[in-house]
Amino acid sequence: MLMKELWIGVVEVLTDATSGAGNTRAFTNVVTWAASATEYADSVKSVFAEYGWDLLGVENVRQIADHTNLTTNIEY
């Protein structure tokens, strides 16, 4: 089993028409724990389904750790 890490991506979602006024299609950034890009999409889809929303697309999915300049050295 792979270790889960934080992943981020841009997702396109279609919300329930009763969720509010206006357009029900939106793009948003989502952060979740996953071990792969596929698991990321599955996780987002599962959470959105709990709200009655449909995941229409996922793009620019990546591990957050890959895009940070974290270091173990602390400079004073």
Protein backbone atom coordinates (compact mmCIF):
# COMPACT_ATOMS: atom_id res chain seq x y z
CA MET A 1 0.00 0.00 0.00
CA LEU A 2 1.35 3.38 -0.99
CA MET A 3 1.67 6.16 1.54
CA LYS A 4 -0.91 8.90 1.04
CA GLU A 5 0.27 12.44 0.49
CA LEU A 6 -1.50 15.73 -0.08
CA TRP A 7 -2.49 16.30 -3.71
CA ILE A 8 -4.02 19.38 -5.35
CA GLY A 9 -5.81 19.83 -8.64
CA VAL A 10 -8.26 21.99 -10.52
CA VAL A 11 -11.64 20.33 -10.80
CA GLU A 12 -14.74 21.16 -12.80
CA VAL A 13 -17.94 20.46 -10.90
CA LEU A 14 -21.64 20.59 -11.69
CA THR A 15 -23.63 21.36 -8.57
CA ASP A 16 -27.24 20.59 -7.79
CA ALA A 17 -29.54 23.30 -9.16
CA THR A 18 -30.97 23.74 -5.65
CA SER A 19 -27.51 24.60 -4.25
CA GLY A 20 -27.97 28.28 -5.00
CA ALA A 21 -28.82 30.84 -7.60
CA GLY A 22 -26.89 31.27 -10.82
CA ASN A 23 -24.55 28.99 -12.70
CA THR A 24 -24.24 25.45 -11.35
CA ARG A 25 -20.97 24.72 -13.19
CA ALA A 26 -17.73 25.81 -11.54
CA PHE A 27 -13.97 25.32 -11.40
CA THR A 28 -12.24 25.06 -8.04
CA ASN A 29 -8.99 23.92 -6.46
CA VAL A 30 -9.31 20.86 -4.25
CA VAL A 31 -6.76 19.42 -1.81
CA THR A 32 -7.10 15.84 -0.57
CA TRP A 33 -5.05 12.88 0.63
CA ALA A 34 -4.20 10.34 -2.09
CA ALA A 35 -1.50 7.96 -3.24
CA SER A 36 -1.92 8.67 -6.97
CA ALA A 37 -3.65 10.99 -9.43
CA THR A 38 -6.33 8.36 -10.02
CA GLU A 39 -6.98 8.03 -6.29
CA TYR A 40 -7.16 11.83 -6.07
CA ALA A 41 -9.92 11.97 -8.70
CA ASP A 42 -11.79 9.08 -7.07
CA SER A 43 -11.64 10.80 -3.67
CA VAL A 44 -12.89 14.13 -5.03
CA LYS A 45 -15.68 12.39 -6.95
CA SER A 46 -16.76 10.53 -3.81
CA VAL A 47 -16.91 13.66 -1.64
CA PHE A 48 -18.73 15.69 -4.29
CA ALA A 49 -21.27 12.87 -4.70
CA GLU A 50 -22.20 13.27 -1.02
CA TYR A 51 -23.45 16.77 -1.92
CA GLY A 52 -25.21 15.58 -5.07
CA TRP A 53 -22.55 17.23 -7.27
CA ASP A 54 -20.99 15.70 -10.40
CA LEU A 55 -17.27 15.79 -11.13
CA LEU A 56 -16.94 16.83 -14.78
CA GLY A 57 -13.17 17.00 -15.10
CA VAL A 58 -9.82 17.13 -13.34
CA GLU A 59 -6.65 18.86 -14.52
CA ASN A 60 -3.24 19.90 -13.27
CA VAL A 61 -3.24 17.21 -10.55
CA ARG A 62 -0.01 17.06 -8.60
CA GLN A 63 1.48 16.27 -5.23
CA ILE A 64 1.83 19.34 -3.08
CA ALA A 65 5.20 18.16 -1.77
CA ASP A 66 6.56 18.23 -5.33
CA HIS A 67 5.98 21.97 -5.56
CA THR A 68 7.37 23.26 -2.30
CA ASN A 69 10.84 24.23 -1.27
CA LEU A 70 10.73 22.59 2.14
CA THR A 71 14.02 21.92 3.80
CA THR A 72 15.13 20.34 7.05
CA ASN A 73 17.60 23.19 7.60
CA ILE A 74 16.38 26.06 9.74
CA GLU A 75 18.09 29.35 9.11
CA TYR A 76 18.18 32.05 11.75
